[in-house]
Amino acid sequence: MSSKEPTVRPDPSEQRLLSAGRSVTVEVPATSANLGPGFDCCGLALDWRERVNLAVIEQGYRIELSGEGAAELPRDESHLIIRSVLVGLADLGVATPGLWLGCRNTIPHGRGLGSSSAAIVAGLLAAAGLAQTRVKPDWLLGHANAIEGHPDNVAAAVYGGFVLAYEGRNGIGVAQGHVDPAIGAALFIPEMSLATEAARGLLPETVPHVDAAANSGRAALLVHAMAAEPELLYEATHDWLHQGYRGVAMPRSYELMKSLRGQGYAAVISGAGPSVLVLGRQADLVALQDQQASGFSVRLSGVGSAASILGPELPGVRDHTVMESPDAGASLRGPTRSGKLR
């Protein structure tokens, strides 16, 4: 799958043209990825949602944004939400004369909290809603992964809860992990941002076998700790593959993570950073609201649910578009497969 094109490009003469006035509202969660040892595999939806409104207009693109990063974002079809809508519509055999986008950004950009994944999944889900077409979660996952380039954050946004994404024989697969209902998260969000590409560029081509072996063991333990023994989260979140290599790009975040771990908290770098994620029992994380960390804001969160369509209640949108994923608290399941990673 190309990073920008739909799986199948319908003949333009056969595309159904949407009429002006049709609209849809979707909500998508912020997400965290890696969770320590689960590099490019583990993802977690957070109980922190962003609402996106789209409508078909007679021509062109009208984009009204506020909130996080609004001043730096494009106001044309290159906007990531608009681009994702167009990818989804093209694959569904639908065209639009123009689009209006309204969004108040709440997820900070470049902080390792899945802002780009939220935008991509919101656009694709909105495309299905505007087209009033039934789609499955793996359709969302396949296109979202092709645009984003890695599946952990987008899988968490599509399915909700705790997910494990992998590349299998038939493409990207997702297994949903059980989450102990006591588990929550604390987020330390810095003022500075860090591009994912820059963070990935610091990773080595190879790692010592002893590090890979240790990391795989902790990744397996993480699945168990999330499901049944939150007290093991500290041990389960040790990482040897990425955080140490990336520390030079985010020294304050890395030092904060080590400080929190020194206090016994299961602290990790969230995604590519520079936010710090702490996993644990929600009752134990409340104390972190008063933790002094210069340059960081603190936010407590529960485990979030999947992206969803809120409305309008048009025939075919809520009734004919798949928006629900399995319960985030369900036991570990077999995979849902989707498109190729590249």
C-alpha atoms as a PDB file:
ATOM      1  CA  MET A   1       0.000   0.000   0.000  1.00  0.00           C
ATOM      2  CA  SER A   2       1.385   3.405  -0.913  1.00  0.00           C
ATOM      3  CA  SER A   3       1.576   5.985   1.822  1.00  0.00           C
ATOM      4  CA  LYS A   4      -0.727   8.399   0.035  1.00  0.00           C
ATOM      5  CA  GLU A   5      -2.874   6.491  -2.430  1.00  0.00           C
ATOM      6  CA  PRO A   6      -5.979   4.341  -1.822  1.00  0.00           C
ATOM      7  CA  THR A   7      -5.776   0.590  -2.264  1.00  0.00           C
ATOM      8  CA  VAL A   8      -7.914   0.724  -5.397  1.00  0.00           C
ATOM      9  CA  ARG A   9      -8.369   3.837  -7.523  1.00  0.00           C
ATOM     10  CA  PRO A  10     -11.899   3.760  -8.960  1.00  0.00           C
ATOM     11  CA  ASP A  11     -12.591   5.102 -12.423  1.00  0.00           C
ATOM     12  CA  PRO A  12     -13.481   8.801 -11.859  1.00  0.00           C
ATOM     13  CA  SER A  13     -16.431   8.422 -14.226  1.00  0.00           C
ATOM     14  CA  GLU A  14     -17.886   5.780 -11.916  1.00  0.00           C
ATOM     15  CA  GLN A  15     -17.521   7.750  -8.679  1.00  0.00           C
ATOM     16  CA  ARG A  16     -20.636   8.810  -6.833  1.00  0.00           C
ATOM     17  CA  LEU A  17     -20.671  12.569  -6.212  1.00  0.00           C
ATOM     18  CA  LEU A  18     -21.736  13.684  -2.741  1.00  0.00           C
ATOM     19  CA  SER A  19     -24.136  16.592  -2.490  1.00  0.00           C
ATOM     20  CA  ALA A  20     -23.336  19.731  -0.525  1.00  0.00           C
ATOM     21  CA  GLY A  21     -24.744  19.816   2.996  1.00  0.00           C
ATOM     22  CA  ARG A  22     -23.912  16.281   4.051  1.00  0.00           C
ATOM     23  CA  SER A  23     -21.954  16.306   7.325  1.00  0.00           C
ATOM     24  CA  VAL A  24     -20.433  14.044   9.933  1.00  0.00           C
ATOM     25  CA  THR A  25     -18.858  14.380  13.396  1.00  0.00           C
ATOM     26  CA  VAL A  26     -16.284  11.919  14.683  1.00  0.00           C
ATOM     27  CA  GLU A  27     -14.277  11.496  17.873  1.00  0.00           C
ATOM     28  CA  VAL A  28     -10.805   9.966  18.093  1.00  0.00           C
ATOM     29  CA  PRO A  29      -8.611   9.169  21.113  1.00  0.00           C
ATOM     30  CA  ALA A  30      -5.105  10.290  21.906  1.00  0.00           C
ATOM     31  CA  THR A  31      -2.817   7.263  22.016  1.00  0.00           C
ATOM     32  CA  SER A  32       0.522   6.127  23.383  1.00  0.00           C
ATOM     33  CA  ALA A  33       2.793   3.564  21.749  1.00  0.00           C
ATOM     34  CA  ASN A  34       5.650   1.227  22.681  1.00  0.00           C
ATOM     35  CA  LEU A  35       4.823   1.276  26.442  1.00  0.00           C
ATOM     36  CA  GLY A  36       8.483   0.516  27.116  1.00  0.00           C
ATOM     37  CA  PRO A  37       9.514  -2.824  25.558  1.00  0.00           C
ATOM     38  CA  GLY A  38       6.684  -3.099  22.995  1.00  0.00           C
ATOM     39  CA  PHE A  39       8.491  -1.136  20.276  1.00  0.00           C
ATOM     40  CA  ASP A  40       6.353  -0.660  17.131  1.00  0.00           C
ATOM     41  CA  CYS A  41       3.896  -3.228  18.537  1.00  0.00           C
ATOM     42  CA  CYS A  42       2.072  -2.122  21.689  1.00  0.00           C
ATOM     43  CA  GLY A  43      -0.406   0.737  21.633  1.00  0.00           C
ATOM     44  CA  LEU A  44      -2.813   2.180  24.172  1.00  0.00           C
ATOM     45  CA  ALA A  45      -5.841   4.401  23.609  1.00  0.00           C
ATOM     46  CA  LEU A  46      -6.199   7.130  26.208  1.00  0.00           C
ATOM     47  CA  ASP A  47      -9.361   8.546  27.701  1.00  0.00           C
ATOM     48  CA  TRP A  48      -8.653  11.840  25.942  1.00  0.00           C
ATOM     49  CA  ARG A  49     -10.735  12.474  22.852  1.00  0.00           C
ATOM     50  CA  GLU A  50     -10.699  15.000  20.055  1.00  0.00           C
ATOM     51  CA  ARG A  51     -13.802  15.925  18.062  1.00  0.00           C
ATOM     52  CA  VAL A  52     -13.682  16.569  14.320  1.00  0.00           C
ATOM     53  CA  ASN A  53     -16.489  17.985  12.158  1.00  0.00           C
ATOM     54  CA  LEU A  54     -16.640  17.656   8.376  1.00  0.00           C
ATOM     55  CA  ALA A  55     -19.205  18.728   5.799  1.00  0.00           C
ATOM     56  CA  VAL A  56     -19.513  18.626   2.041  1.00  0.00           C
ATOM     57  CA  ILE A  57     -19.515  22.112   0.469  1.00  0.00           C
ATOM     58  CA  GLU A  58     -20.047  23.248  -3.097  1.00  0.00           C
ATOM     59  CA  GLN A  59     -16.390  23.712  -3.946  1.00  0.00           C
ATOM     60  CA  GLY A  60     -12.879  23.997  -2.528  1.00  0.00           C
ATOM     61  CA  TYR A  61     -11.640  23.477   1.006  1.00  0.00           C
ATOM     62  CA  ARG A  62     -12.563  25.590   4.007  1.00  0.00           C
ATOM     63  CA  ILE A  63     -10.670  24.752   7.181  1.00  0.00           C
ATOM     64  CA  GLU A  64     -11.365  26.293  10.579  1.00  0.00           C
ATOM     65  CA  LEU A  65      -8.935  25.264  13.296  1.00  0.00           C
ATOM     66  CA  SER A  66      -8.167  26.328  16.844  1.00  0.00           C
ATOM     67  CA  GLY A  67      -6.188  24.952  19.743  1.00  0.00           C
ATOM     68  CA  GLU A  68      -2.906  23.016  19.671  1.00  0.00           C
ATOM     69  CA  GLY A  69      -0.675  23.840  16.702  1.00  0.00           C
ATOM     70  CA  ALA A  70      -3.482  25.505  14.754  1.00  0.00           C
ATOM     71  CA  ALA A  71      -1.330  28.372  13.498  1.00  0.00           C
ATOM     72  CA  GLU A  72       1.200  26.011  11.876  1.00  0.00           C
ATOM     73  CA  LEU A  73      -1.255  23.704  10.091  1.00  0.00           C
ATOM     74  CA  PRO A  74      -2.176  24.034   6.385  1.00  0.00           C
ATOM     75  CA  ARG A  75      -5.560  25.315   5.276  1.00  0.00           C
ATOM     76  CA  ASP A  76      -5.827  23.314   2.056  1.00  0.00           C
ATOM     77  CA  GLU A  77      -6.107  19.711   0.871  1.00  0.00           C
ATOM     78  CA  SER A  78      -2.642  18.927   2.259  1.00  0.00           C
ATOM     79  CA  HIS A  79      -4.081  19.021   5.800  1.00  0.00           C
ATOM     80  CA  LEU A  80      -3.717  15.474   7.146  1.00  0.00           C
ATOM     81  CA  ILE A  81      -7.409  15.075   7.986  1.00  0.00           C
ATOM     82  CA  ILE A  82      -8.514  16.293   4.548  1.00  0.00           C
ATOM     83  CA  ARG A  83      -5.909  14.125   2.829  1.00  0.00           C
ATOM     84  CA  SER A  84      -7.125  11.088   4.777  1.00  0.00           C
ATOM     85  CA  VAL A  85     -10.762  11.839   3.946  1.00  0.00           C
ATOM     86  CA  LEU A  86      -9.885  11.992   0.253  1.00  0.00           C
ATOM     87  CA  VAL A  87      -8.005   8.666   0.429  1.00  0.00           C
ATOM     88  CA  GLY A  88     -11.009   7.032   2.080  1.00  0.00           C
ATOM     89  CA  LEU A  89     -13.575   8.524  -0.286  1.00  0.00           C
ATOM     90  CA  ALA A  90     -11.554   7.513  -3.355  1.00  0.00           C
ATOM     91  CA  ASP A  91     -11.337   3.927  -2.166  1.00  0.00           C
ATOM     92  CA  LEU A  92     -15.095   3.902  -1.535  1.00  0.00           C
ATOM     93  CA  GLY A  93     -15.817   5.179  -5.054  1.00  0.00           C
ATOM     94  CA  VAL A  94     -17.078   8.545  -3.861  1.00  0.00           C
ATOM     95  CA  ALA A  95     -16.106  12.081  -4.862  1.00  0.00           C
ATOM     96  CA  THR A  96     -16.870  15.414  -3.224  1.00  0.00           C
ATOM     97  CA  PRO A  97     -17.048  18.903  -4.753  1.00  0.00           C
ATOM     98  CA  GLY A  98     -15.491  20.430  -1.635  1.00  0.00           C
ATOM     99  CA  LEU A  99     -15.020  19.967   2.103  1.00  0.00           C
ATOM    100  CA  TRP A 100     -15.329  22.049   5.241  1.00  0.00           C
ATOM    101  CA  LEU A 101     -13.312  20.970   8.275  1.00  0.00           C
ATOM    102  CA  GLY A 102     -13.832  22.295  11.783  1.00  0.00           C
ATOM    103  CA  CYS A 103     -11.680  21.119  14.667  1.00  0.00           C
ATOM    104  CA  ARG A 104     -10.413  22.338  18.020  1.00  0.00           C
ATOM    105  CA  ASN A 105      -7.103  20.535  18.473  1.00  0.00           C
ATOM    106  CA  THR A 106      -6.589  19.254  22.009  1.00  0.00           C
ATOM    107  CA  ILE A 107      -3.854  16.645  21.434  1.00  0.00           C
ATOM    108  CA  PRO A 108      -0.483  18.427  21.320  1.00  0.00           C
ATOM    109  CA  HIS A 109       1.565  17.818  18.191  1.00  0.00           C
ATOM    110  CA  GLY A 110       4.990  16.217  18.244  1.00  0.00           C
ATOM    111  CA  ARG A 111       4.690  14.978  21.832  1.00  0.00           C
ATOM    112  CA  GLY A 112       4.348  11.224  21.296  1.00  0.00           C
ATOM    113  CA  LEU A 113       0.594  11.211  21.953  1.00  0.00           C
ATOM    114  CA  GLY A 114      -0.685  10.097  18.556  1.00  0.00           C
ATOM    115  CA  SER A 115      -1.845  13.426  17.117  1.00  0.00           C
ATOM    116  CA  SER A 116      -1.106  12.368  13.527  1.00  0.00           C
ATOM    117  CA  SER A 117      -2.756   8.976  14.041  1.00  0.00           C
ATOM    118  CA  ALA A 118      -5.824  10.699  15.456  1.00  0.00           C
ATOM    119  CA  ALA A 119      -6.008  12.966  12.404  1.00  0.00           C
ATOM    120  CA  ILE A 120      -5.639  10.062   9.972  1.00  0.00           C
ATOM    121  CA  VAL A 121      -8.212   7.820  11.651  1.00  0.00           C
ATOM    122  CA  ALA A 122     -10.618  10.752  12.020  1.00  0.00           C
ATOM    123  CA  GLY A 123     -10.369  11.494   8.301  1.00  0.00           C
ATOM    124  CA  LEU A 124     -10.884   7.894   7.226  1.00  0.00           C
ATOM    125  CA  LEU A 125     -13.808   7.342   9.595  1.00  0.00           C
ATOM    126  CA  ALA A 126     -15.356  10.601   8.439  1.00  0.00           C
ATOM    127  CA  ALA A 127     -15.025   9.430   4.827  1.00  0.00           C
ATOM    128  CA  ALA A 128     -17.032   6.301   5.637  1.00  0.00           C
ATOM    129  CA  GLY A 129     -19.620   8.421   7.418  1.00  0.00           C
ATOM    130  CA  LEU A 130     -19.959  10.900   4.559  1.00  0.00           C
ATOM    131  CA  ALA A 131     -20.213   8.045   2.065  1.00  0.00           C
ATOM    132  CA  GLN A 132     -22.728   6.246   4.302  1.00  0.00           C
ATOM    133  CA  THR A 133     -20.813   3.056   3.574  1.00  0.00           C
ATOM    134  CA  ARG A 134     -20.188   0.109   5.836  1.00  0.00           C
ATOM    135  CA  VAL A 135     -16.496  -0.364   6.583  1.00  0.00           C
ATOM    136  CA  LYS A 136     -14.706  -2.719   8.930  1.00  0.00           C
ATOM    137  CA  PRO A 137     -11.990  -1.749  11.417  1.00  0.00           C
ATOM    138  CA  ASP A 138      -9.340  -3.473   9.305  1.00  0.00           C
ATOM    139  CA  TRP A 139     -10.244  -1.170   6.392  1.00  0.00           C
ATOM    140  CA  LEU A 140      -9.515   1.778   8.666  1.00  0.00           C
ATOM    141  CA  LEU A 141      -6.323   0.115   9.908  1.00  0.00           C
ATOM    142  CA  GLY A 142      -4.997  -0.706   6.443  1.00  0.00           C
ATOM    143  CA  HIS A 143      -5.378   2.814   5.106  1.00  0.00           C
ATOM    144  CA  ALA A 144      -4.270   4.466   8.343  1.00  0.00           C
ATOM    145  CA  ASN A 145      -1.139   2.336   8.520  1.00  0.00           C
ATOM    146  CA  ALA A 146      -0.305   3.105   4.887  1.00  0.00           C
ATOM    147  CA  ILE A 147      -0.491   6.838   5.565  1.00  0.00           C
ATOM    148  CA  GLU A 148       1.216   6.796   8.975  1.00  0.00           C
ATOM    149  CA  GLY A 149       3.879   4.197   8.194  1.00  0.00           C
ATOM    150  CA  HIS A 150       3.684   2.228  11.458  1.00  0.00           C
ATOM    151  CA  PRO A 151       0.663   0.556  13.034  1.00  0.00           C
ATOM    152  CA  ASP A 152       0.834   0.881  16.849  1.00  0.00           C
ATOM    153  CA  ASN A 153      -0.806   4.286  17.366  1.00  0.00           C
ATOM    154  CA  VAL A 154      -3.349   3.947  14.558  1.00  0.00           C
ATOM    155  CA  ALA A 155      -4.329   0.458  15.761  1.00  0.00           C
ATOM    156  CA  ALA A 156      -5.012   1.835  19.246  1.00  0.00           C
ATOM    157  CA  ALA A 157      -7.118   4.644  17.773  1.00  0.00           C
ATOM    158  CA  VAL A 158      -9.111   2.248  15.574  1.00  0.00           C
ATOM    159  CA  TYR A 159      -9.691  -0.531  18.117  1.00  0.00           C
ATOM    160  CA  GLY A 160      -9.394   1.252  21.455  1.00  0.00           C
ATOM    161  CA  GLY A 161      -7.892  -0.165  24.639  1.00  0.00           C
ATOM    162  CA  PHE A 162      -4.587  -2.033  24.632  1.00  0.00           C
ATOM    163  CA  VAL A 163      -3.465  -3.448  21.286  1.00  0.00           C
ATOM    164  CA  LEU A 164      -0.589  -5.467  19.856  1.00  0.00           C
ATOM    165  CA  ALA A 165       0.102  -4.837  16.175  1.00  0.00           C
ATOM    166  CA  TYR A 166       2.317  -7.029  14.030  1.00  0.00           C
ATOM    167  CA  GLU A 167       3.068  -7.873  10.417  1.00  0.00           C
ATOM    168  CA  GLY A 168       1.889 -11.370   9.593  1.00  0.00           C
ATOM    169  CA  ARG A 169       1.629 -13.460   6.451  1.00  0.00           C
ATOM    170  CA  ASN A 170      -1.466 -11.574   5.322  1.00  0.00           C
ATOM    171  CA  GLY A 171      -0.391  -8.083   6.328  1.00  0.00           C
ATOM    172  CA  ILE A 172      -0.857  -6.119   9.519  1.00  0.00           C
ATOM    173  CA  GLY A 173      -2.597  -7.995  12.310  1.00  0.00           C
ATOM    174  CA  VAL A 174      -3.965  -6.649  15.574  1.00  0.00           C
ATOM    175  CA  ALA A 175      -4.634  -8.568  18.780  1.00  0.00           C
ATOM    176  CA  GLN A 176      -6.523  -6.850  21.573  1.00  0.00           C
ATOM    177  CA  GLY A 177      -5.231  -7.335  25.083  1.00  0.00           C
ATOM    178  CA  HIS A 178      -7.230  -7.426  28.274  1.00  0.00           C
ATOM    179  CA  VAL A 179      -6.729  -4.440  30.587  1.00  0.00           C
ATOM    180  CA  ASP A 180      -7.173  -4.744  34.338  1.00  0.00           C
ATOM    181  CA  PRO A 181      -9.905  -2.173  35.174  1.00  0.00           C
ATOM    182  CA  ALA A 182      -7.721  -0.661  37.898  1.00  0.00           C
ATOM    183  CA  ILE A 183      -5.054   0.454  35.399  1.00  0.00           C
ATOM    184  CA  GLY A 184      -4.741   4.063  34.338  1.00  0.00           C
ATOM    185  CA  ALA A 185      -2.051   6.420  33.095  1.00  0.00           C
ATOM    186  CA  ALA A 186      -0.344   9.634  34.059  1.00  0.00           C
ATOM    187  CA  LEU A 187       1.139  11.821  31.330  1.00  0.00           C
ATOM    188  CA  PHE A 188       3.966  14.307  31.733  1.00  0.00           C
ATOM    189  CA  ILE A 189       3.706  16.529  28.669  1.00  0.00           C
ATOM    190  CA  PRO A 190       6.622  18.847  27.882  1.00  0.00           C
ATOM    191  CA  GLU A 191       6.464  22.250  26.263  1.00  0.00           C
ATOM    192  CA  MET A 192       8.912  21.150  23.565  1.00  0.00           C
ATOM    193  CA  SER A 193       8.063  18.901  20.625  1.00  0.00           C
ATOM    194  CA  LEU A 194      10.079  16.261  18.804  1.00  0.00           C
ATOM    195  CA  ALA A 195       9.534  14.950  15.279  1.00  0.00           C
ATOM    196  CA  THR A 196       9.025  11.187  15.109  1.00  0.00           C
ATOM    197  CA  GLU A 197      11.418  10.991  12.141  1.00  0.00           C
ATOM    198  CA  ALA A 198      14.187  12.630  14.177  1.00  0.00           C
ATOM    199  CA  ALA A 199      13.681  10.194  17.051  1.00  0.00           C
ATOM    200  CA  ARG A 200      13.695   7.178  14.729  1.00  0.00           C
ATOM    201  CA  GLY A 201      16.914   8.380  13.128  1.00  0.00           C
ATOM    202  CA  LEU A 202      18.758   7.831  16.421  1.00  0.00           C
ATOM    203  CA  LEU A 203      18.065   4.103  16.530  1.00  0.00           C
ATOM    204  CA  PRO A 204      20.858   1.674  15.567  1.00  0.00           C
ATOM    205  CA  GLU A 205      20.588  -0.834  12.731  1.00  0.00           C
ATOM    206  CA  THR A 206      21.277  -3.733  15.118  1.00  0.00           C
ATOM    207  CA  VAL A 207      21.219  -4.338  18.875  1.00  0.00           C
ATOM    208  CA  PRO A 208      23.068  -6.924  20.989  1.00  0.00           C
ATOM    209  CA  HIS A 209      21.369 -10.304  21.212  1.00  0.00           C
ATOM    210  CA  VAL A 210      21.330 -10.106  25.014  1.00  0.00           C
ATOM    211  CA  ASP A 211      19.354  -6.840  24.821  1.00  0.00           C
ATOM    212  CA  ALA A 212      16.863  -8.275  22.320  1.00  0.00           C
ATOM    213  CA  ALA A 213      16.345 -11.335  24.517  1.00  0.00           C
ATOM    214  CA  ALA A 214      15.784  -9.249  27.641  1.00  0.00           C
ATOM    215  CA  ASN A 215      13.406  -6.947  25.808  1.00  0.00           C
ATOM    216  CA  SER A 216      11.279  -9.760  24.394  1.00  0.00           C
ATOM    217  CA  GLY A 217      10.874 -11.206  27.869  1.00  0.00           C
ATOM    218  CA  ARG A 218       9.655  -7.915  29.299  1.00  0.00           C
ATOM    219  CA  ALA A 219       7.294  -7.358  26.356  1.00  0.00           C
ATOM    220  CA  ALA A 220       5.665 -10.720  27.131  1.00  0.00           C
ATOM    221  CA  LEU A 221       5.465  -9.808  30.802  1.00  0.00           C
ATOM    222  CA  LEU A 222       3.834  -6.494  29.886  1.00  0.00           C
ATOM    223  CA  VAL A 223       0.860  -8.283  28.302  1.00  0.00           C
ATOM    224  CA  HIS A 224       0.331 -10.249  31.512  1.00  0.00           C
ATOM    225  CA  ALA A 225       0.824  -7.231  33.771  1.00  0.00           C
ATOM    226  CA  MET A 226      -1.715  -5.184  31.825  1.00  0.00           C
ATOM    227  CA  ALA A 227      -4.241  -7.993  32.015  1.00  0.00           C
ATOM    228  CA  ALA A 228      -3.935  -9.338  35.509  1.00  0.00           C
ATOM    229  CA  GLU A 229      -1.090  -8.042  37.707  1.00  0.00           C
ATOM    230  CA  PRO A 230      -0.624  -4.260  37.612  1.00  0.00           C
ATOM    231  CA  GLU A 231       1.978  -4.558  40.367  1.00  0.00           C
ATOM    232  CA  LEU A 232       4.299  -6.084  37.739  1.00  0.00           C
ATOM    233  CA  LEU A 233       4.115  -3.042  35.445  1.00  0.00           C
ATOM    234  CA  TYR A 234       7.351  -1.595  36.777  1.00  0.00           C
ATOM    235  CA  GLU A 235       9.330  -4.730  35.894  1.00  0.00           C
ATOM    236  CA  ALA A 236       7.371  -5.209  32.675  1.00  0.00           C
ATOM    237  CA  THR A 237       8.203  -1.758  31.275  1.00  0.00           C
ATOM    238  CA  HIS A 238      12.013  -2.067  31.180  1.00  0.00           C
ATOM    239  CA  ASP A 239      13.277  -1.372  27.660  1.00  0.00           C
ATOM    240  CA  TRP A 240      16.583  -2.046  25.886  1.00  0.00           C
ATOM    241  CA  LEU A 241      15.660  -1.240  22.268  1.00  0.00           C
ATOM    242  CA  HIS A 242      14.878   2.448  21.895  1.00  0.00           C
ATOM    243  CA  GLN A 243      14.610   4.720  24.930  1.00  0.00           C
ATOM    244  CA  GLY A 244      18.317   4.797  25.797  1.00  0.00           C
ATOM    245  CA  TYR A 245      19.306   5.585  22.227  1.00  0.00           C
ATOM    246  CA  ARG A 246      16.786   8.424  21.982  1.00  0.00           C
ATOM    247  CA  GLY A 247      17.614  10.015  25.320  1.00  0.00           C
ATOM    248  CA  VAL A 248      20.068  12.502  23.791  1.00  0.00           C
ATOM    249  CA  ALA A 249      17.234  14.073  21.778  1.00  0.00           C
ATOM    250  CA  MET A 250      15.050  14.600  24.864  1.00  0.00           C
ATOM    251  CA  PRO A 251      17.371  14.774  27.895  1.00  0.00           C
ATOM    252  CA  ARG A 252      14.829  16.338  30.255  1.00  0.00           C
ATOM    253  CA  SER A 253      12.218  13.720  29.405  1.00  0.00           C
ATOM    254  CA  TYR A 254      14.736  10.918  29.772  1.00  0.00           C
ATOM    255  CA  GLU A 255      15.891  12.199  33.145  1.00  0.00           C
ATOM    256  CA  LEU A 256      12.286  12.593  34.315  1.00  0.00           C
ATOM    257  CA  MET A 257      11.522   9.042  33.244  1.00  0.00           C
ATOM    258  CA  LYS A 258      14.536   7.754  35.208  1.00  0.00           C
ATOM    259  CA  SER A 259      13.552   9.850  38.229  1.00  0.00           C
ATOM    260  CA  LEU A 260      10.016   8.465  38.220  1.00  0.00           C
ATOM    261  CA  ARG A 261      11.310   4.925  37.841  1.00  0.00           C
ATOM    262  CA  GLY A 262      13.624   5.605  40.763  1.00  0.00           C
ATOM    263  CA  GLN A 263      10.482   6.314  42.789  1.00  0.00           C
ATOM    264  CA  GLY A 264       9.045   2.942  41.762  1.00  0.00           C
ATOM    265  CA  TYR A 265       6.704   4.138  39.006  1.00  0.00           C
ATOM    266  CA  ALA A 266       6.354   2.305  35.677  1.00  0.00           C
ATOM    267  CA  ALA A 267       7.480   5.317  33.633  1.00  0.00           C
ATOM    268  CA  VAL A 268       8.338   5.127  29.926  1.00  0.00           C
ATOM    269  CA  ILE A 269       8.776   7.481  26.999  1.00  0.00           C
ATOM    270  CA  SER A 270       5.414   7.793  25.236  1.00  0.00           C
ATOM    271  CA  GLY A 271       5.839   6.774  21.609  1.00  0.00           C
ATOM    272  CA  ALA A 272       8.790   8.599  20.058  1.00  0.00           C
ATOM    273  CA  GLY A 273       8.616  11.173  22.850  1.00  0.00           C
ATOM    274  CA  PRO A 274       9.122  13.525  24.409  1.00  0.00           C
ATOM    275  CA  SER A 275       6.102  12.976  26.698  1.00  0.00           C
ATOM    276  CA  VAL A 276       6.530  10.559  29.598  1.00  0.00           C
ATOM    277  CA  LEU A 277       3.831   7.953  30.269  1.00  0.00           C
ATOM    278  CA  VAL A 278       3.366   6.312  33.666  1.00  0.00           C
ATOM    279  CA  LEU A 279       1.250   3.160  33.921  1.00  0.00           C
ATOM    280  CA  GLY A 280      -0.176   1.892  37.174  1.00  0.00           C
ATOM    281  CA  ARG A 281      -3.207   1.564  39.357  1.00  0.00           C
ATOM    282  CA  GLN A 282      -5.288   4.720  38.997  1.00  0.00           C
ATOM    283  CA  ALA A 283      -5.456   5.120  42.775  1.00  0.00           C
ATOM    284  CA  ASP A 284      -1.649   5.139  42.974  1.00  0.00           C
ATOM    285  CA  LEU A 285      -1.217   7.654  40.149  1.00  0.00           C
ATOM    286  CA  VAL A 286      -3.268  10.419  41.776  1.00  0.00           C
ATOM    287  CA  ALA A 287      -0.223  11.454  43.811  1.00  0.00           C
ATOM    288  CA  LEU A 288       1.590  12.333  40.584  1.00  0.00           C
ATOM    289  CA  GLN A 289      -0.703  15.320  40.049  1.00  0.00           C
ATOM    290  CA  ASP A 290       1.435  17.128  42.628  1.00  0.00           C
ATOM    291  CA  GLN A 291       4.747  15.908  41.203  1.00  0.00           C
ATOM    292  CA  GLN A 292       6.978  18.883  40.408  1.00  0.00           C
ATOM    293  CA  ALA A 293       8.517  18.614  36.940  1.00  0.00           C
ATOM    294  CA  SER A 294       9.648  21.922  35.488  1.00  0.00           C
ATOM    295  CA  GLY A 295       8.544  22.395  31.887  1.00  0.00           C
ATOM    296  CA  PHE A 296       5.991  19.567  32.037  1.00  0.00           C
ATOM    297  CA  SER A 297       2.241  19.576  32.575  1.00  0.00           C
ATOM    298  CA  VAL A 298       0.614  16.531  34.183  1.00  0.00           C
ATOM    299  CA  ARG A 299      -2.562  14.847  33.031  1.00  0.00           C
ATOM    300  CA  LEU A 300      -4.230  11.731  34.435  1.00  0.00           C
ATOM    301  CA  SER A 301      -6.084   9.445  32.043  1.00  0.00           C
ATOM    302  CA  GLY A 302      -7.984   6.216  31.957  1.00  0.00           C
ATOM    303  CA  VAL A 303      -7.814   3.672  29.141  1.00  0.00           C
ATOM    304  CA  GLY A 304      -9.735   4.996  26.149  1.00  0.00           C
ATOM    305  CA  SER A 305     -12.155   3.558  23.635  1.00  0.00           C
ATOM    306  CA  ALA A 306     -12.105   3.353  19.842  1.00  0.00           C
ATOM    307  CA  ALA A 307     -12.702   6.188  17.407  1.00  0.00           C
ATOM    308  CA  SER A 308     -16.410   6.645  16.731  1.00  0.00           C
ATOM    309  CA  ILE A 309     -18.959   8.521  14.665  1.00  0.00           C
ATOM    310  CA  LEU A 310     -21.174  10.772  16.777  1.00  0.00           C
ATOM    311  CA  GLY A 311     -23.588  11.993  14.164  1.00  0.00           C
ATOM    312  CA  PRO A 312     -25.646  13.231  12.588  1.00  0.00           C
ATOM    313  CA  GLU A 313     -28.126  10.407  12.998  1.00  0.00           C
ATOM    314  CA  LEU A 314     -28.534   9.904   9.263  1.00  0.00           C
ATOM    315  CA  PRO A 315     -29.772   6.590   7.886  1.00  0.00           C
ATOM    316  CA  GLY A 316     -26.719   4.643   6.853  1.00  0.00           C
ATOM    317  CA  VAL A 317     -24.214   6.485   9.025  1.00  0.00           C
ATOM    318  CA  ARG A 318     -24.820   4.976  12.421  1.00  0.00           C
ATOM    319  CA  ASP A 319     -26.658   1.978  11.015  1.00  0.00           C
ATOM    320  CA  HIS A 320     -24.363   1.104   8.109  1.00  0.00           C
ATOM    321  CA  THR A 321     -20.921   2.257   9.161  1.00  0.00           C
ATOM    322  CA  VAL A 322     -18.952   0.035  11.513  1.00  0.00           C
ATOM    323  CA  MET A 323     -17.715   2.237  14.338  1.00  0.00           C
ATOM    324  CA  GLU A 324     -17.488  -0.167  17.228  1.00  0.00           C
ATOM    325  CA  SER A 325     -14.490  -2.290  18.147  1.00  0.00           C
ATOM    326  CA  PRO A 326     -14.375  -5.150  20.638  1.00  0.00           C
ATOM    327  CA  ASP A 327     -14.490  -4.120  24.272  1.00  0.00           C
ATOM    328  CA  ALA A 328     -11.135  -2.812  25.477  1.00  0.00           C
ATOM    329  CA  GLY A 329     -11.449  -5.141  28.436  1.00  0.00           C
ATOM    330  CA  ALA A 330     -11.901  -8.262  26.354  1.00  0.00           C
ATOM    331  CA  SER A 331      -9.399 -11.093  26.590  1.00  0.00           C
ATOM    332  CA  LEU A 332      -6.532 -11.453  24.135  1.00  0.00           C
ATOM    333  CA  ARG A 333      -7.975 -12.461  20.796  1.00  0.00           C
ATOM    334  CA  GLY A 334      -6.966 -13.672  17.400  1.00  0.00           C
ATOM    335  CA  PRO A 335      -5.796 -11.048  14.940  1.00  0.00           C
ATOM    336  CA  THR A 336      -7.710  -8.821  12.618  1.00  0.00           C
ATOM    337  CA  ARG A 337      -5.706  -8.613   9.433  1.00  0.00           C
ATOM    338  CA  SER A 338      -5.378  -5.683   7.130  1.00  0.00           C
ATOM    339  CA  GLY A 339      -3.188  -4.291   4.362  1.00  0.00           C
ATOM    340  CA  LYS A 340       0.570  -4.582   3.952  1.00  0.00           C
ATOM    341  CA  LEU A 341       2.887  -2.479   6.087  1.00  0.00           C
ATOM    342  CA  ARG A 342       4.576  -0.917   3.082  1.00  0.00           C
END
